[in-house]
Amino acid sequence: MGVEAMRAVHAYRHLLRAVKKHVGKEDHKTHFTDFISQAFRQPSDPSSLHHKLKLATDYTFLVNSVHHHKDLLFSYNIAVDRSDEMRKVLGKSAASVGLQLPEVYQP
């Protein structure tokens, strides 16, 4: 496997991982991963390959950075809707002791 092929596999895996982690894996969000898979499976000439790999790397960085920025805003108690974050924290706390949240707190 060549160097460019290894870079493509690396960029593809990191991009899919970032999208699945931060955008979600739900059925109504599969068009994101489908588009990424389709774009990487299309044959492309070597001149545009470098551009596509750079674009994939930049987009991965953007998705991860936006999520990290949102986490920082939550940690600094900036006026951002915290209800989803609190549900997540409560769910993790309940799961750590083997319990489930009541339906009132379920998304």
C-alpha atoms as a PDB file:
ATOM      1  CA  MET A   1       0.000   0.000   0.000  1.00  0.00           C
ATOM      2  CA  GLY A   2       1.426   3.366  -1.003  1.00  0.00           C
ATOM      3  CA  VAL A   3       1.914   6.422   1.154  1.00  0.00           C
ATOM      4  CA  GLU A   4      -1.030   8.253  -0.423  1.00  0.00           C
ATOM      5  CA  ALA A   5      -3.273   5.237   0.137  1.00  0.00           C
ATOM      6  CA  MET A   6      -2.270   5.084   3.800  1.00  0.00           C
ATOM      7  CA  ARG A   7      -2.975   8.813   4.193  1.00  0.00           C
ATOM      8  CA  ALA A   8      -6.384   8.322   2.573  1.00  0.00           C
ATOM      9  CA  VAL A   9      -7.259   5.441   4.918  1.00  0.00           C
ATOM     10  CA  HIS A  10      -6.063   7.468   7.907  1.00  0.00           C
ATOM     11  CA  ALA A  11      -8.094  10.538   6.884  1.00  0.00           C
ATOM     12  CA  TYR A  12     -11.171   8.414   6.121  1.00  0.00           C
ATOM     13  CA  ARG A  13     -11.109   6.642   9.477  1.00  0.00           C
ATOM     14  CA  HIS A  14     -10.566   9.816  11.470  1.00  0.00           C
ATOM     15  CA  LEU A  15     -13.314  11.662   9.595  1.00  0.00           C
ATOM     16  CA  LEU A  16     -15.833   8.855  10.068  1.00  0.00           C
ATOM     17  CA  ARG A  17     -14.928   8.549  13.735  1.00  0.00           C
ATOM     18  CA  ALA A  18     -15.395  12.304  14.292  1.00  0.00           C
ATOM     19  CA  VAL A  19     -18.733  12.404  12.467  1.00  0.00           C
ATOM     20  CA  LYS A  20     -20.086   9.339  14.278  1.00  0.00           C
ATOM     21  CA  LYS A  21     -18.963  10.691  17.640  1.00  0.00           C
ATOM     22  CA  HIS A  22     -20.050  14.308  17.299  1.00  0.00           C
ATOM     23  CA  VAL A  23     -22.847  14.297  14.719  1.00  0.00           C
ATOM     24  CA  GLY A  24     -24.388  10.969  15.669  1.00  0.00           C
ATOM     25  CA  LYS A  25     -25.171   7.517  14.360  1.00  0.00           C
ATOM     26  CA  GLU A  26     -28.967   7.753  14.322  1.00  0.00           C
ATOM     27  CA  ASP A  27     -30.850   6.630  11.218  1.00  0.00           C
ATOM     28  CA  HIS A  28     -31.854  10.158  10.231  1.00  0.00           C
ATOM     29  CA  LYS A  29     -28.197  11.243  10.256  1.00  0.00           C
ATOM     30  CA  THR A  30     -26.736   8.482   8.096  1.00  0.00           C
ATOM     31  CA  HIS A  31     -26.562  10.780   5.063  1.00  0.00           C
ATOM     32  CA  PHE A  32     -23.391  12.301   6.570  1.00  0.00           C
ATOM     33  CA  THR A  33     -21.534   8.992   6.727  1.00  0.00           C
ATOM     34  CA  ASP A  34     -23.002   7.870   3.399  1.00  0.00           C
ATOM     35  CA  PHE A  35     -21.711  11.026   1.695  1.00  0.00           C
ATOM     36  CA  ILE A  36     -18.241  10.559   3.210  1.00  0.00           C
ATOM     37  CA  SER A  37     -18.089   6.903   2.165  1.00  0.00           C
ATOM     38  CA  GLN A  38     -19.242   7.746  -1.341  1.00  0.00           C
ATOM     39  CA  ALA A  39     -16.692  10.569  -1.696  1.00  0.00           C
ATOM     40  CA  PHE A  40     -13.805   8.348  -0.625  1.00  0.00           C
ATOM     41  CA  ARG A  41     -14.850   5.436  -2.840  1.00  0.00           C
ATOM     42  CA  GLN A  42     -15.072   7.503  -6.016  1.00  0.00           C
ATOM     43  CA  PRO A  43     -12.005   7.173  -8.192  1.00  0.00           C
ATOM     44  CA  SER A  44     -10.126  10.438  -8.504  1.00  0.00           C
ATOM     45  CA  ASP A  45      -7.081  11.611 -10.355  1.00  0.00           C
ATOM     46  CA  PRO A  46      -3.848  12.093  -8.392  1.00  0.00           C
ATOM     47  CA  SER A  47      -3.958  15.876  -8.745  1.00  0.00           C
ATOM     48  CA  SER A  48      -7.265  16.186  -6.871  1.00  0.00           C
ATOM     49  CA  LEU A  49      -6.419  13.463  -4.354  1.00  0.00           C
ATOM     50  CA  HIS A  50      -4.185  15.765  -2.314  1.00  0.00           C
ATOM     51  CA  HIS A  51      -6.924  18.418  -2.233  1.00  0.00           C
ATOM     52  CA  LYS A  52      -9.561  15.885  -1.096  1.00  0.00           C
ATOM     53  CA  LEU A  53      -7.306  14.536   1.662  1.00  0.00           C
ATOM     54  CA  LYS A  54      -6.611  18.060   2.893  1.00  0.00           C
ATOM     55  CA  LEU A  55     -10.333  18.830   2.860  1.00  0.00           C
ATOM     56  CA  ALA A  56     -11.110  15.651   4.843  1.00  0.00           C
ATOM     57  CA  THR A  57      -8.404  16.437   7.401  1.00  0.00           C
ATOM     58  CA  ASP A  58      -9.586  20.025   7.776  1.00  0.00           C
ATOM     59  CA  TYR A  59     -13.210  18.973   8.179  1.00  0.00           C
ATOM     60  CA  THR A  60     -12.238  16.404  10.830  1.00  0.00           C
ATOM     61  CA  PHE A  61     -10.376  19.102  12.706  1.00  0.00           C
ATOM     62  CA  LEU A  62     -13.374  21.452  12.417  1.00  0.00           C
ATOM     63  CA  VAL A  63     -15.891  18.914  13.746  1.00  0.00           C
ATOM     64  CA  ASN A  64     -13.643  17.997  16.679  1.00  0.00           C
ATOM     65  CA  SER A  65     -12.881  21.642  17.447  1.00  0.00           C
ATOM     66  CA  VAL A  66     -16.528  22.731  17.413  1.00  0.00           C
ATOM     67  CA  HIS A  67     -17.380  19.935  19.830  1.00  0.00           C
ATOM     68  CA  HIS A  68     -14.447  20.849  22.074  1.00  0.00           C
ATOM     69  CA  HIS A  69     -15.495  24.516  22.001  1.00  0.00           C
ATOM     70  CA  LYS A  70     -19.028  23.581  23.029  1.00  0.00           C
ATOM     71  CA  ASP A  71     -17.631  21.520  25.933  1.00  0.00           C
ATOM     72  CA  LEU A  72     -15.552  24.501  27.038  1.00  0.00           C
ATOM     73  CA  LEU A  73     -18.600  26.758  26.956  1.00  0.00           C
ATOM     74  CA  PHE A  74     -20.477  24.288  29.138  1.00  0.00           C
ATOM     75  CA  SER A  75     -17.602  24.052  31.588  1.00  0.00           C
ATOM     76  CA  TYR A  76     -17.411  27.856  31.891  1.00  0.00           C
ATOM     77  CA  ASN A  77     -21.180  28.061  32.475  1.00  0.00           C
ATOM     78  CA  ILE A  78     -21.712  30.343  29.511  1.00  0.00           C
ATOM     79  CA  ALA A  79     -25.399  30.941  28.765  1.00  0.00           C
ATOM     80  CA  VAL A  80     -25.896  27.887  26.599  1.00  0.00           C
ATOM     81  CA  ASP A  81     -28.739  25.394  26.838  1.00  0.00           C
ATOM     82  CA  ARG A  82     -27.480  22.901  29.401  1.00  0.00           C
ATOM     83  CA  SER A  83     -30.489  20.588  29.549  1.00  0.00           C
ATOM     84  CA  ASP A  84     -28.981  18.031  27.159  1.00  0.00           C
ATOM     85  CA  GLU A  85     -25.672  18.125  29.015  1.00  0.00           C
ATOM     86  CA  MET A  86     -27.397  17.616  32.358  1.00  0.00           C
ATOM     87  CA  ARG A  87     -29.372  14.660  30.975  1.00  0.00           C
ATOM     88  CA  LYS A  88     -26.130  13.137  29.773  1.00  0.00           C
ATOM     89  CA  VAL A  89     -24.426  13.622  33.152  1.00  0.00           C
ATOM     90  CA  LEU A  90     -27.435  12.244  35.022  1.00  0.00           C
ATOM     91  CA  GLY A  91     -27.599   9.265  32.677  1.00  0.00           C
ATOM     92  CA  LYS A  92     -23.910   8.468  33.162  1.00  0.00           C
ATOM     93  CA  SER A  93     -24.251   8.820  36.928  1.00  0.00           C
ATOM     94  CA  ALA A  94     -27.253   6.523  37.033  1.00  0.00           C
ATOM     95  CA  ALA A  95     -25.620   3.988  34.717  1.00  0.00           C
ATOM     96  CA  SER A  96     -22.467   3.898  36.845  1.00  0.00           C
ATOM     97  CA  VAL A  97     -24.477   2.477  39.761  1.00  0.00           C
ATOM     98  CA  GLY A  98     -26.634   0.215  37.573  1.00  0.00           C
ATOM     99  CA  LEU A  99     -29.779   2.329  37.439  1.00  0.00           C
ATOM    100  CA  GLN A 100     -31.789   3.941  34.669  1.00  0.00           C
ATOM    101  CA  LEU A 101     -33.245   7.429  34.626  1.00  0.00           C
ATOM    102  CA  PRO A 102     -37.011   7.826  34.927  1.00  0.00           C
ATOM    103  CA  GLU A 103     -38.859   8.529  31.693  1.00  0.00           C
ATOM    104  CA  VAL A 104     -39.104  12.211  32.608  1.00  0.00           C
ATOM    105  CA  TYR A 105     -35.359  12.572  31.966  1.00  0.00           C
ATOM    106  CA  GLN A 106     -35.181  10.358  28.886  1.00  0.00           C
ATOM    107  CA  PRO A 107     -34.595  12.227  25.605  1.00  0.00           C
END
